[in-house]
């Protein structure tokens, strides 16, 4: 059984790796420091059975990494590990498909308890005080319609990239990017790229949101 730790802080990964020794002994977990290396690890190792996911790492925007994982590797459970343990953040992680949530400040035994519960087929979340959001439920349903490649294109849209730049970034033909953008706007019920970028922005945990607007090229 393999566990993948996805976090861009090497000291935190080392701490989690040490804690996991109590469960997995000499079978070390895999590690990823960005969303791209996370995807590469999942494609290269078919025996991964659990992902421990930080919400903030290069290549990801808040819950976008969780949404993408649930779309492409829906059979692999994900436990979110985050320093943002606001009740609404925990509730949103649950609504977007996480099997568990562990605050980074939680004691090691709580982390191990959560991992054991999820590996046994269950879930593990701290006591929740935030209500489920009908808006998040609708958003999760829309995002679930996107293919993994469309999620990648959507993240590029949110970064303000033009179609030609997205094609270069993802190794696609520009025509293919245009087809994806059209499909993304239709599935998300958006009239413009700017509206799609705003949806990506809404995936940020509450404390990460900024008051300024989103400026996206119109192409």
N, C-alpha and C. Protein backbone atom coordinates (compact mmCIF):
# COMPACT_ATOMS: atom_id res chain seq x y z
N UNK A 1 0.85 -1.18 0.00
CA UNK A 1 0.00 0.00 0.00
C UNK A 1 0.89 1.23 0.00
N UNK A 2 0.60 2.19 -0.88
CA UNK A 2 1.40 3.40 -0.97
C UNK A 2 0.56 4.63 -0.66
N UNK A 3 1.17 5.54 0.07
CA UNK A 3 0.55 6.83 0.38
C UNK A 3 1.38 7.91 -0.31
N UNK A 4 0.70 8.93 -0.84
CA UNK A 4 1.37 10.04 -1.49
C UNK A 4 1.14 11.31 -0.68
N UNK A 5 2.22 11.93 -0.25
CA UNK A 5 2.15 13.19 0.49
C UNK A 5 2.38 14.33 -0.49
N UNK A 6 1.40 15.19 -0.68
CA UNK A 6 1.51 16.31 -1.62
C UNK A 6 1.52 17.62 -0.85
N UNK A 7 2.70 18.19 -0.71
CA UNK A 7 2.87 19.44 0.05
C UNK A 7 4.17 20.08 -0.42
N UNK A 8 4.19 21.39 -0.54
CA UNK A 8 5.40 22.04 -1.07
C UNK A 8 6.42 22.38 0.01
N UNK A 9 6.15 22.02 1.26
CA UNK A 9 7.11 22.28 2.35
C UNK A 9 7.84 20.99 2.72
N UNK A 10 9.14 20.88 2.41
CA UNK A 10 9.87 19.64 2.67
C UNK A 10 9.90 19.24 4.15
N UNK A 11 9.95 20.22 5.05
CA UNK A 11 9.98 19.88 6.47
C UNK A 11 8.66 19.26 6.92
N UNK A 12 7.55 19.77 6.37
CA UNK A 12 6.26 19.18 6.73
C UNK A 12 6.14 17.77 6.15
N UNK A 13 6.59 17.58 4.91
CA UNK A 13 6.55 16.24 4.33
C UNK A 13 7.39 15.27 5.15
N UNK A 14 8.54 15.73 5.63
CA UNK A 14 9.40 14.87 6.45
C UNK A 14 8.71 14.50 7.76
N UNK A 15 8.00 15.45 8.36
CA UNK A 15 7.30 15.18 9.61
C UNK A 15 6.19 14.15 9.40
N UNK A 16 5.43 14.31 8.31
CA UNK A 16 4.35 13.35 8.01
C UNK A 16 4.95 11.99 7.68
N UNK A 17 6.03 11.98 6.91
CA UNK A 17 6.68 10.72 6.56
C UNK A 17 7.12 9.97 7.82
N UNK A 18 7.66 10.70 8.78
CA UNK A 18 8.09 10.08 10.05
C UNK A 18 6.88 9.52 10.81
N UNK A 19 5.78 10.29 10.82
CA UNK A 19 4.58 9.84 11.54
C UNK A 19 4.00 8.59 10.90
N UNK A 20 4.06 8.50 9.56
CA UNK A 20 3.49 7.35 8.87
C UNK A 20 4.27 6.07 9.12
N UNK A 21 5.49 6.21 9.62
CA UNK A 21 6.28 5.01 9.93
C UNK A 21 5.59 4.12 10.95
N UNK A 22 4.73 4.72 11.79
CA UNK A 22 4.00 3.93 12.80
C UNK A 22 3.01 2.97 12.15
N UNK A 23 2.49 3.35 10.96
CA UNK A 23 1.53 2.50 10.27
C UNK A 23 2.20 1.63 9.22
N UNK A 24 3.10 2.25 8.44
CA UNK A 24 3.63 1.55 7.27
C UNK A 24 5.05 1.03 7.43
N UNK A 25 5.65 1.27 8.57
CA UNK A 25 6.99 0.74 8.82
C UNK A 25 8.01 1.22 7.82
N UNK A 26 8.68 0.28 7.17
CA UNK A 26 9.77 0.63 6.25
C UNK A 26 9.30 0.91 4.83
N UNK A 27 7.99 0.93 4.60
CA UNK A 27 7.47 1.20 3.26
C UNK A 27 7.23 2.70 3.14
N UNK A 28 8.21 3.47 2.63
CA UNK A 28 8.11 4.93 2.67
C UNK A 28 7.04 5.46 1.73
N UNK A 29 6.39 6.55 2.12
CA UNK A 29 5.39 7.16 1.23
C UNK A 29 6.07 7.88 0.06
N UNK A 30 5.32 8.11 -0.99
CA UNK A 30 5.80 8.93 -2.09
C UNK A 30 5.54 10.40 -1.75
N UNK A 31 6.26 11.29 -2.42
CA UNK A 31 6.13 12.72 -2.12
C UNK A 31 6.00 13.53 -3.40
N UNK A 32 5.25 14.64 -3.32
CA UNK A 32 5.12 15.57 -4.43
C UNK A 32 5.11 16.98 -3.86
N UNK A 33 5.80 17.90 -4.55
CA UNK A 33 5.90 19.27 -4.06
C UNK A 33 5.11 20.26 -4.90
N UNK A 34 4.44 19.78 -5.95
CA UNK A 34 3.62 20.64 -6.80
C UNK A 34 2.50 19.79 -7.38
N UNK A 35 1.51 20.45 -7.98
CA UNK A 35 0.41 19.67 -8.55
C UNK A 35 0.88 18.86 -9.74
N UNK A 36 1.83 19.39 -10.49
CA UNK A 36 2.34 18.65 -11.64
C UNK A 36 3.06 17.37 -11.20
N UNK A 37 3.91 17.46 -10.16
CA UNK A 37 4.60 16.25 -9.70
C UNK A 37 3.63 15.29 -9.02
N UNK A 38 2.56 15.83 -8.47
CA UNK A 38 1.51 14.97 -7.90
C UNK A 38 0.86 14.14 -9.00
N UNK A 39 0.50 14.79 -10.12
CA UNK A 39 -0.09 14.07 -11.25
C UNK A 39 0.88 13.03 -11.80
N UNK A 40 2.15 13.40 -11.93
CA UNK A 40 3.15 12.48 -12.46
C UNK A 40 3.27 11.24 -11.58
N UNK A 41 3.28 11.45 -10.26
CA UNK A 41 3.38 10.31 -9.34
C UNK A 41 2.18 9.38 -9.47
N UNK A 42 0.99 9.95 -9.60
CA UNK A 42 -0.21 9.14 -9.73
C UNK A 42 -0.22 8.35 -11.04
N UNK A 43 0.33 8.94 -12.09
CA UNK A 43 0.39 8.23 -13.38
C UNK A 43 1.44 7.13 -13.38
N UNK A 44 2.50 7.30 -12.58
CA UNK A 44 3.61 6.35 -12.58
C UNK A 44 3.44 5.22 -11.57
N UNK A 45 2.61 5.43 -10.55
CA UNK A 45 2.49 4.44 -9.47
C UNK A 45 1.03 4.01 -9.31
N UNK A 46 0.70 2.88 -9.86
CA UNK A 46 -0.68 2.40 -9.82
C UNK A 46 -1.09 1.89 -8.45
N UNK A 47 -0.10 1.72 -7.53
CA UNK A 47 -0.42 1.16 -6.22
C UNK A 47 -0.72 2.23 -5.17
N UNK A 48 -0.80 3.50 -5.55
CA UNK A 48 -1.15 4.55 -4.59
C UNK A 48 -2.60 4.38 -4.16
N UNK A 49 -2.82 4.33 -2.86
CA UNK A 49 -4.18 4.11 -2.33
C UNK A 49 -4.70 5.25 -1.49
N UNK A 50 -3.86 6.28 -1.28
CA UNK A 50 -4.30 7.42 -0.47
C UNK A 50 -3.42 8.61 -0.80
N UNK A 51 -4.06 9.79 -0.93
CA UNK A 51 -3.32 11.04 -1.13
C UNK A 51 -3.58 11.95 0.06
N UNK A 52 -2.50 12.47 0.65
CA UNK A 52 -2.57 13.50 1.69
C UNK A 52 -2.27 14.81 0.99
N UNK A 53 -3.24 15.70 0.89
CA UNK A 53 -3.17 16.85 -0.01
C UNK A 53 -3.21 18.18 0.73
N UNK A 54 -2.18 18.99 0.51
CA UNK A 54 -2.20 20.37 0.96
C UNK A 54 -2.92 21.19 -0.10
N UNK A 55 -3.71 22.17 0.32
CA UNK A 55 -4.49 22.96 -0.64
C UNK A 55 -3.64 24.00 -1.36
N UNK A 56 -2.48 24.32 -0.81
CA UNK A 56 -1.67 25.40 -1.37
C UNK A 56 -0.32 24.86 -1.82
N UNK A 57 -0.16 24.73 -3.13
CA UNK A 57 1.11 24.31 -3.70
C UNK A 57 1.19 24.83 -5.12
N UNK A 58 2.39 24.91 -5.69
CA UNK A 58 2.51 25.40 -7.07
C UNK A 58 1.64 24.59 -8.03
N UNK A 59 0.93 25.30 -8.91
CA UNK A 59 0.09 24.65 -9.91
C UNK A 59 -1.34 24.42 -9.46
N UNK A 60 -1.67 24.79 -8.23
CA UNK A 60 -3.02 24.57 -7.71
C UNK A 60 -3.58 25.88 -7.17
N UNK A 61 -4.89 25.98 -7.23
CA UNK A 61 -5.59 27.13 -6.67
C UNK A 61 -6.63 26.62 -5.69
N UNK A 62 -6.28 26.61 -4.42
CA UNK A 62 -7.22 26.16 -3.42
C UNK A 62 -7.75 24.76 -3.70
N UNK A 63 -9.07 24.65 -3.82
CA UNK A 63 -9.70 23.35 -4.00
C UNK A 63 -9.58 22.80 -5.43
N UNK A 64 -8.93 23.55 -6.33
CA UNK A 64 -8.82 23.06 -7.71
C UNK A 64 -8.10 21.73 -7.79
N UNK A 65 -7.08 21.53 -6.96
CA UNK A 65 -6.34 20.27 -6.99
C UNK A 65 -7.23 19.12 -6.53
N UNK A 66 -8.05 19.35 -5.51
CA UNK A 66 -8.96 18.32 -5.03
C UNK A 66 -9.99 17.98 -6.10
N UNK A 67 -10.56 19.00 -6.73
CA UNK A 67 -11.55 18.78 -7.79
C UNK A 67 -10.94 17.96 -8.92
N UNK A 68 -9.72 18.31 -9.31
CA UNK A 68 -9.05 17.60 -10.40
C UNK A 68 -8.77 16.14 -10.03
N UNK A 69 -8.30 15.90 -8.82
CA UNK A 69 -8.03 14.52 -8.37
C UNK A 69 -9.30 13.69 -8.35
N UNK A 70 -10.39 14.26 -7.86
CA UNK A 70 -11.64 13.50 -7.79
C UNK A 70 -12.18 13.21 -9.18
N UNK A 71 -11.84 14.07 -10.16
CA UNK A 71 -12.31 13.84 -11.52
C UNK A 71 -11.52 12.77 -12.24
N UNK A 72 -10.19 12.74 -12.03
CA UNK A 72 -9.34 11.82 -12.79
C UNK A 72 -9.02 10.54 -12.04
N UNK A 73 -8.91 10.62 -10.71
CA UNK A 73 -8.58 9.43 -9.91
C UNK A 73 -9.62 9.27 -8.80
N UNK A 74 -10.86 9.08 -9.22
CA UNK A 74 -11.97 9.07 -8.26
C UNK A 74 -11.91 7.88 -7.30
N UNK A 75 -11.14 6.84 -7.66
CA UNK A 75 -11.07 5.66 -6.79
C UNK A 75 -10.03 5.81 -5.68
N UNK A 76 -9.23 6.88 -5.72
CA UNK A 76 -8.20 7.10 -4.69
C UNK A 76 -8.71 8.14 -3.70
N UNK A 77 -8.91 7.78 -2.44
CA UNK A 77 -9.39 8.75 -1.46
C UNK A 77 -8.34 9.82 -1.18
N UNK A 78 -8.82 11.01 -0.83
CA UNK A 78 -7.96 12.16 -0.56
C UNK A 78 -8.27 12.71 0.82
N UNK A 79 -7.24 12.87 1.63
CA UNK A 79 -7.37 13.58 2.90
C UNK A 79 -6.70 14.93 2.74
N UNK A 80 -7.45 16.00 2.95
CA UNK A 80 -6.88 17.33 2.89
C UNK A 80 -6.18 17.63 4.20
N UNK A 81 -4.94 18.12 4.12
CA UNK A 81 -4.19 18.55 5.30
C UNK A 81 -3.88 20.03 5.10
N UNK A 82 -4.44 20.88 5.94
CA UNK A 82 -4.32 22.32 5.70
C UNK A 82 -4.18 23.09 7.01
N UNK A 83 -3.47 24.21 6.93
CA UNK A 83 -3.37 25.10 8.09
C UNK A 83 -4.62 25.96 8.22
N UNK A 84 -5.44 26.00 7.16
CA UNK A 84 -6.70 26.74 7.19
C UNK A 84 -7.80 25.77 7.64
N UNK A 85 -8.11 25.80 8.92
CA UNK A 85 -9.11 24.87 9.45
C UNK A 85 -10.41 25.58 9.80
N UNK A 86 -10.71 26.65 9.07
CA UNK A 86 -11.99 27.32 9.24
C UNK A 86 -13.11 26.32 8.96
N UNK A 87 -14.19 26.34 9.75
CA UNK A 87 -15.28 25.36 9.54
C UNK A 87 -15.80 25.32 8.11
N UNK A 88 -15.90 26.47 7.44
CA UNK A 88 -16.40 26.45 6.06
C UNK A 88 -15.38 25.80 5.12
N UNK A 89 -14.09 25.99 5.40
CA UNK A 89 -13.07 25.33 4.57
C UNK A 89 -13.20 23.82 4.69
N UNK A 90 -13.40 23.34 5.91
CA UNK A 90 -13.55 21.90 6.14
C UNK A 90 -14.81 21.39 5.43
N UNK A 91 -15.91 22.13 5.55
CA UNK A 91 -17.15 21.72 4.92
C UNK A 91 -17.01 21.71 3.40
N UNK A 92 -16.32 22.70 2.84
CA UNK A 92 -16.13 22.73 1.39
C UNK A 92 -15.25 21.57 0.92
N UNK A 93 -14.23 21.23 1.69
CA UNK A 93 -13.40 20.08 1.33
C UNK A 93 -14.27 18.82 1.25
N UNK A 94 -15.18 18.68 2.19
CA UNK A 94 -16.09 17.53 2.19
C UNK A 94 -17.00 17.57 0.97
N UNK A 95 -17.54 18.74 0.65
CA UNK A 95 -18.46 18.85 -0.48
C UNK A 95 -17.76 18.64 -1.83
N UNK A 96 -16.48 18.99 -1.90
CA UNK A 96 -15.74 18.81 -3.14
C UNK A 96 -15.11 17.43 -3.26
N UNK A 97 -15.41 16.53 -2.31
CA UNK A 97 -15.05 15.13 -2.50
C UNK A 97 -13.94 14.57 -1.63
N UNK A 98 -13.43 15.33 -0.67
CA UNK A 98 -12.39 14.79 0.22
C UNK A 98 -12.99 13.72 1.13
N UNK A 99 -12.17 12.72 1.46
CA UNK A 99 -12.60 11.67 2.39
C UNK A 99 -12.26 12.05 3.83
N UNK A 100 -11.45 13.09 4.00
CA UNK A 100 -11.09 13.51 5.35
C UNK A 100 -10.43 14.88 5.33
N UNK A 101 -10.29 15.46 6.52
CA UNK A 101 -9.63 16.76 6.66
C UNK A 101 -8.88 16.75 7.98
N UNK A 102 -7.59 17.10 7.91
CA UNK A 102 -6.76 17.18 9.11
C UNK A 102 -6.11 18.56 9.17
N UNK A 103 -6.34 19.33 10.24
CA UNK A 103 -5.60 20.58 10.40
C UNK A 103 -4.12 20.29 10.59
N UNK A 104 -3.26 21.15 10.05
CA UNK A 104 -1.83 20.92 10.19
C UNK A 104 -1.37 20.99 11.64
N UNK A 105 -2.14 21.65 12.46
CA UNK A 105 -1.78 21.76 13.88
C UNK A 105 -2.24 20.56 14.70
N UNK A 106 -2.92 19.60 14.07
CA UNK A 106 -3.46 18.44 14.79
C UNK A 106 -2.31 17.56 15.30
N UNK A 107 -2.50 16.88 16.43
CA UNK A 107 -1.47 15.95 16.92
C UNK A 107 -1.32 14.75 16.00
N UNK A 108 -0.17 14.11 16.08
CA UNK A 108 0.14 12.98 15.20
C UNK A 108 -0.90 11.88 15.32
N UNK A 109 -1.35 11.59 16.53
CA UNK A 109 -2.30 10.50 16.71
C UNK A 109 -3.62 10.77 15.99
N UNK A 110 -3.98 12.04 15.88
CA UNK A 110 -5.21 12.39 15.14
C UNK A 110 -5.01 12.15 13.64
N UNK A 111 -3.82 12.47 13.15
CA UNK A 111 -3.50 12.20 11.75
C UNK A 111 -3.58 10.71 11.46
N UNK A 112 -2.99 9.91 12.33
CA UNK A 112 -2.99 8.46 12.13
C UNK A 112 -4.41 7.89 12.24
N UNK A 113 -5.19 8.45 13.14
CA UNK A 113 -6.59 8.01 13.30
C UNK A 113 -7.36 8.26 12.01
N UNK A 114 -7.16 9.44 11.42
CA UNK A 114 -7.85 9.78 10.18
C UNK A 114 -7.43 8.86 9.05
N UNK A 115 -6.14 8.59 8.94
CA UNK A 115 -5.64 7.73 7.87
C UNK A 115 -6.20 6.32 8.00
N UNK A 116 -6.20 5.80 9.21
CA UNK A 116 -6.75 4.45 9.42
C UNK A 116 -8.23 4.40 9.06
N UNK A 117 -8.97 5.44 9.44
CA UNK A 117 -10.41 5.46 9.15
C UNK A 117 -10.67 5.49 7.64
N UNK A 118 -9.92 6.30 6.91
CA UNK A 118 -10.13 6.43 5.47
C UNK A 118 -9.68 5.17 4.74
N UNK A 119 -8.55 4.59 5.15
CA UNK A 119 -8.09 3.36 4.51
C UNK A 119 -9.04 2.19 4.77
N UNK A 120 -9.82 2.30 5.85
CA UNK A 120 -10.81 1.26 6.15
C UNK A 120 -12.12 1.49 5.40
N UNK A 121 -12.14 2.54 4.56
CA UNK A 121 -13.33 2.80 3.76
C UNK A 121 -14.26 3.86 4.32
N UNK A 122 -13.84 4.50 5.41
CA UNK A 122 -14.68 5.51 6.03
C UNK A 122 -14.23 6.92 5.72
N UNK A 123 -14.68 7.86 6.52
CA UNK A 123 -14.28 9.26 6.38
C UNK A 123 -13.84 9.77 7.75
N UNK A 124 -13.15 10.91 7.76
CA UNK A 124 -12.74 11.50 9.03
C UNK A 124 -12.69 13.01 8.88
N UNK A 125 -13.54 13.71 9.63
CA UNK A 125 -13.56 15.16 9.63
C UNK A 125 -13.71 15.65 11.06
N UNK A 126 -13.10 16.80 11.38
CA UNK A 126 -13.35 17.41 12.70
C UNK A 126 -14.82 17.74 12.83
N UNK A 127 -15.26 17.97 14.04
CA UNK A 127 -16.65 18.36 14.26
C UNK A 127 -16.95 19.62 13.46
N UNK A 128 -18.02 19.60 12.68
CA UNK A 128 -18.33 20.70 11.78
C UNK A 128 -19.43 21.59 12.35
N UNK A 129 -19.22 22.90 12.20
CA UNK A 129 -20.25 23.85 12.62
C UNK A 129 -20.81 24.60 11.42
N UNK A 130 -20.14 24.53 10.28
CA UNK A 130 -20.62 25.22 9.08
C UNK A 130 -21.66 24.37 8.36
N UNK A 131 -22.70 25.01 7.87
CA UNK A 131 -23.74 24.31 7.13
C UNK A 131 -23.27 24.01 5.71
N UNK A 132 -23.82 22.95 5.12
CA UNK A 132 -23.53 22.68 3.72
C UNK A 132 -24.07 23.83 2.86
N UNK A 133 -23.35 24.11 1.78
CA UNK A 133 -23.71 25.22 0.91
C UNK A 133 -24.33 24.69 -0.38
N UNK A 134 -25.54 25.14 -0.68
CA UNK A 134 -26.19 24.74 -1.93
C UNK A 134 -25.40 25.27 -3.12
N UNK A 135 -24.79 26.46 -2.96
CA UNK A 135 -23.99 27.04 -4.04
C UNK A 135 -22.76 26.17 -4.32
N UNK A 136 -22.08 25.69 -3.26
CA UNK A 136 -20.92 24.81 -3.44
C UNK A 136 -21.35 23.48 -4.06
N UNK A 137 -22.53 23.00 -3.69
CA UNK A 137 -23.02 21.75 -4.27
C UNK A 137 -23.23 21.90 -5.77
N UNK A 138 -23.81 23.04 -6.18
CA UNK A 138 -24.01 23.29 -7.61
C UNK A 138 -22.68 23.43 -8.33
N UNK A 139 -21.73 24.12 -7.68
CA UNK A 139 -20.41 24.30 -8.29
C UNK A 139 -19.70 22.97 -8.44
N UNK A 140 -19.77 22.13 -7.42
CA UNK A 140 -19.13 20.81 -7.49
C UNK A 140 -19.72 19.98 -8.62
N UNK A 141 -21.04 20.08 -8.82
CA UNK A 141 -21.71 19.34 -9.90
C UNK A 141 -21.22 19.83 -11.26
N UNK A 142 -21.09 21.14 -11.42
CA UNK A 142 -20.61 21.70 -12.68
C UNK A 142 -19.17 21.27 -12.95
N UNK A 143 -18.31 21.39 -11.94
CA UNK A 143 -16.90 21.07 -12.12
C UNK A 143 -16.70 19.59 -12.42
N UNK A 144 -17.59 18.75 -11.89
CA UNK A 144 -17.48 17.31 -12.13
C UNK A 144 -17.71 16.96 -13.59
N UNK A 145 -18.32 17.86 -14.36
CA UNK A 145 -18.56 17.61 -15.78
C UNK A 145 -17.29 17.80 -16.62
N UNK A 146 -16.31 18.50 -16.08
CA UNK A 146 -15.09 18.80 -16.83
C UNK A 146 -14.18 17.58 -16.90
N UNK A 147 -13.56 17.39 -18.05
CA UNK A 147 -12.54 16.35 -18.16
C UNK A 147 -11.27 16.85 -17.47
N UNK A 148 -10.35 15.94 -17.12
CA UNK A 148 -9.09 16.39 -16.50
C UNK A 148 -8.36 17.44 -17.34
N UNK A 149 -8.35 17.26 -18.67
CA UNK A 149 -7.67 18.24 -19.52
C UNK A 149 -8.38 19.58 -19.48
N UNK A 150 -9.71 19.55 -19.39
CA UNK A 150 -10.46 20.81 -19.32
C UNK A 150 -10.19 21.53 -17.99
N UNK A 151 -9.97 20.76 -16.93
CA UNK A 151 -9.61 21.38 -15.65
C UNK A 151 -8.28 22.10 -15.79
N UNK A 152 -7.32 21.47 -16.48
CA UNK A 152 -6.01 22.11 -16.68
C UNK A 152 -6.16 23.40 -17.49
N UNK A 153 -6.97 23.34 -18.53
CA UNK A 153 -7.21 24.54 -19.35
C UNK A 153 -7.88 25.62 -18.51
N UNK A 154 -8.82 25.23 -17.67
CA UNK A 154 -9.50 26.19 -16.81
C UNK A 154 -8.52 26.88 -15.87
N UNK A 155 -7.56 26.15 -15.32
CA UNK A 155 -6.56 26.77 -14.44
C UNK A 155 -5.72 27.78 -15.22
N UNK A 156 -5.42 27.46 -16.46
CA UNK A 156 -4.66 28.39 -17.30
C UNK A 156 -5.48 29.64 -17.61
N UNK A 157 -6.79 29.45 -17.84
CA UNK A 157 -7.67 30.60 -18.05
C UNK A 157 -7.62 31.53 -16.83
N UNK A 158 -7.65 30.92 -15.66
CA UNK A 158 -7.63 31.71 -14.43
C UNK A 158 -6.33 32.47 -14.25
N UNK A 159 -5.26 31.97 -14.87
CA UNK A 159 -3.97 32.66 -14.82
C UNK A 159 -3.87 33.75 -15.89
N UNK A 160 -4.93 33.91 -16.68
CA UNK A 160 -4.96 34.96 -17.68
C UNK A 160 -4.23 34.63 -18.97
N UNK A 161 -3.98 33.35 -19.24
CA UNK A 161 -3.25 32.96 -20.43
C UNK A 161 -4.15 32.99 -21.67
N UNK A 162 -3.58 33.40 -22.78
CA UNK A 162 -4.28 33.35 -24.07
C UNK A 162 -4.27 31.92 -24.60
N UNK A 163 -5.12 31.65 -25.58
CA UNK A 163 -5.20 30.30 -26.14
C UNK A 163 -3.84 29.79 -26.61
N UNK A 164 -3.09 30.66 -27.28
CA UNK A 164 -1.77 30.26 -27.79
C UNK A 164 -0.84 29.89 -26.64
N UNK A 165 -0.91 30.66 -25.55
CA UNK A 165 -0.06 30.37 -24.39
C UNK A 165 -0.49 29.08 -23.69
N UNK A 166 -1.80 28.85 -23.62
CA UNK A 166 -2.30 27.61 -23.02
C UNK A 166 -1.84 26.41 -23.84
N UNK A 167 -1.89 26.55 -25.16
CA UNK A 167 -1.45 25.47 -26.05
C UNK A 167 0.01 25.12 -25.78
N UNK A 168 0.85 26.13 -25.63
CA UNK A 168 2.27 25.90 -25.34
C UNK A 168 2.45 25.27 -23.97
N UNK A 169 1.73 25.80 -22.99
CA UNK A 169 1.86 25.31 -21.61
C UNK A 169 1.47 23.84 -21.48
N UNK A 170 0.40 23.44 -22.19
CA UNK A 170 -0.13 22.08 -22.03
C UNK A 170 0.27 21.14 -23.17
N UNK A 171 1.00 21.66 -24.15
CA UNK A 171 1.42 20.81 -25.27
C UNK A 171 0.26 20.41 -26.16
N UNK A 172 -0.66 21.34 -26.39
CA UNK A 172 -1.84 21.07 -27.21
C UNK A 172 -1.83 21.94 -28.46
N UNK A 173 -2.62 21.56 -29.45
CA UNK A 173 -2.84 22.42 -30.61
C UNK A 173 -3.76 23.56 -30.19
N UNK A 174 -3.55 24.75 -30.76
CA UNK A 174 -4.36 25.89 -30.39
C UNK A 174 -5.84 25.66 -30.68
N UNK A 175 -6.14 24.96 -31.77
CA UNK A 175 -7.53 24.62 -32.09
C UNK A 175 -8.15 23.77 -31.00
N UNK A 176 -7.37 22.82 -30.46
CA UNK A 176 -7.85 21.96 -29.38
C UNK A 176 -8.17 22.78 -28.15
N UNK A 177 -7.33 23.76 -27.86
CA UNK A 177 -7.57 24.64 -26.71
C UNK A 177 -8.89 25.40 -26.90
N UNK A 178 -9.13 25.89 -28.11
CA UNK A 178 -10.37 26.62 -28.39
C UNK A 178 -11.59 25.74 -28.15
N UNK A 179 -11.50 24.47 -28.56
CA UNK A 179 -12.60 23.53 -28.35
C UNK A 179 -12.83 23.32 -26.85
N UNK A 180 -11.72 23.17 -26.11
CA UNK A 180 -11.84 22.98 -24.66
C UNK A 180 -12.46 24.21 -24.00
N UNK A 181 -12.02 25.40 -24.39
CA UNK A 181 -12.55 26.62 -23.78
C UNK A 181 -14.06 26.74 -24.02
N UNK A 182 -14.48 26.44 -25.24
CA UNK A 182 -15.92 26.48 -25.55
C UNK A 182 -16.69 25.50 -24.67
N UNK A 183 -16.16 24.29 -24.51
CA UNK A 183 -16.82 23.28 -23.69
C UNK A 183 -16.85 23.69 -22.22
N UNK A 184 -15.75 24.28 -21.74
CA UNK A 184 -15.67 24.72 -20.34
C UNK A 184 -16.73 25.78 -20.05
N UNK A 185 -16.82 26.78 -20.93
CA UNK A 185 -17.80 27.85 -20.72
C UNK A 185 -19.22 27.30 -20.74
N UNK A 186 -19.48 26.34 -21.63
CA UNK A 186 -20.82 25.74 -21.70
C UNK A 186 -21.14 24.96 -20.43
N UNK A 187 -20.19 24.12 -19.99
CA UNK A 187 -20.44 23.28 -18.82
C UNK A 187 -20.57 24.09 -17.54
N UNK A 188 -19.80 25.18 -17.45
CA UNK A 188 -19.85 26.02 -16.25
C UNK A 188 -20.93 27.09 -16.34
N UNK A 189 -21.64 27.13 -17.49
CA UNK A 189 -22.69 28.11 -17.73
C UNK A 189 -22.15 29.53 -17.60
N UNK A 190 -21.00 29.76 -18.25
CA UNK A 190 -20.36 31.07 -18.23
C UNK A 190 -20.47 31.71 -19.62
N UNK A 191 -20.57 33.03 -19.62
CA UNK A 191 -20.63 33.77 -20.88
C UNK A 191 -19.26 34.26 -21.33
N UNK A 192 -18.28 34.21 -20.44
CA UNK A 192 -16.97 34.75 -20.78
C UNK A 192 -15.88 34.03 -20.01
N UNK A 193 -14.65 34.22 -20.47
CA UNK A 193 -13.49 33.66 -19.77
C UNK A 193 -13.34 34.28 -18.39
N UNK A 194 -13.71 35.56 -18.28
CA UNK A 194 -13.61 36.23 -16.99
C UNK A 194 -14.51 35.56 -15.96
N UNK A 195 -15.74 35.20 -16.36
CA UNK A 195 -16.65 34.51 -15.44
C UNK A 195 -16.06 33.17 -15.01
N UNK A 196 -15.44 32.45 -15.95
CA UNK A 196 -14.81 31.17 -15.60
C UNK A 196 -13.67 31.37 -14.62
N UNK A 197 -12.90 32.44 -14.81
CA UNK A 197 -11.80 32.75 -13.89
C UNK A 197 -12.32 33.07 -12.49
N UNK A 198 -13.47 33.73 -12.42
CA UNK A 198 -14.07 34.05 -11.12
C UNK A 198 -14.47 32.76 -10.40
N UNK A 199 -14.96 31.77 -11.15
CA UNK A 199 -15.31 30.49 -10.54
C UNK A 199 -14.07 29.84 -9.93
N UNK A 200 -12.95 29.88 -10.65
CA UNK A 200 -11.71 29.31 -10.11
C UNK A 200 -11.31 30.07 -8.85
N UNK A 201 -11.46 31.37 -8.90
CA UNK A 201 -11.12 32.19 -7.73
C UNK A 201 -11.96 31.79 -6.52
N UNK A 202 -13.21 31.39 -6.76
CA UNK A 202 -14.09 31.01 -5.65
C UNK A 202 -13.65 29.71 -5.00
N UNK A 203 -12.74 28.97 -5.66
CA UNK A 203 -12.24 27.72 -5.08
C UNK A 203 -11.21 27.96 -3.99
N UNK A 204 -10.76 29.20 -3.85
CA UNK A 204 -9.81 29.51 -2.79
C UNK A 204 -10.52 29.44 -1.43
N UNK A 205 -9.86 28.86 -0.43
CA UNK A 205 -10.43 28.94 0.92
C UNK A 205 -10.65 30.39 1.31
N UNK A 206 -11.61 30.64 2.17
CA UNK A 206 -12.05 32.00 2.46
C UNK A 206 -10.91 32.95 2.80
N UNK A 207 -9.95 32.51 3.60
CA UNK A 207 -8.89 33.41 4.05
C UNK A 207 -7.95 33.79 2.92
N UNK A 208 -8.04 33.09 1.78
CA UNK A 208 -7.15 33.37 0.67
C UNK A 208 -7.75 34.37 -0.32
N UNK A 209 -9.03 34.67 -0.18
CA UNK A 209 -9.70 35.54 -1.14
C UNK A 209 -9.24 36.99 -0.97
N UNK A 210 -9.04 37.65 -2.07
CA UNK A 210 -8.64 39.04 -2.07
C UNK A 210 -9.78 39.89 -2.65
N UNK A 211 -9.86 41.15 -2.26
CA UNK A 211 -10.99 41.98 -2.71
C UNK A 211 -10.86 42.45 -4.15
N UNK A 212 -9.68 42.37 -4.75
CA UNK A 212 -9.53 42.90 -6.10
C UNK A 212 -10.19 41.98 -7.12
N UNK A 213 -10.44 42.50 -8.31
CA UNK A 213 -11.12 41.75 -9.35
C UNK A 213 -10.18 40.84 -10.11
N UNK A 214 -10.72 40.20 -11.16
CA UNK A 214 -9.95 39.30 -12.00
C UNK A 214 -9.91 39.88 -13.41
N UNK A 215 -8.73 40.04 -13.94
CA UNK A 215 -8.58 40.60 -15.28
C UNK A 215 -8.07 39.52 -16.21
N UNK A 216 -8.92 39.10 -17.15
CA UNK A 216 -8.57 38.01 -18.04
C UNK A 216 -8.66 38.49 -19.47
N UNK A 217 -7.64 38.19 -20.31
CA UNK A 217 -7.72 38.58 -21.72
C UNK A 217 -8.97 38.01 -22.37
N UNK A 218 -9.57 38.70 -23.33
CA UNK A 218 -10.87 38.31 -23.88
C UNK A 218 -10.81 37.20 -24.92
N UNK A 219 -9.61 36.77 -25.36
CA UNK A 219 -9.55 35.79 -26.45
C UNK A 219 -10.19 34.47 -26.04
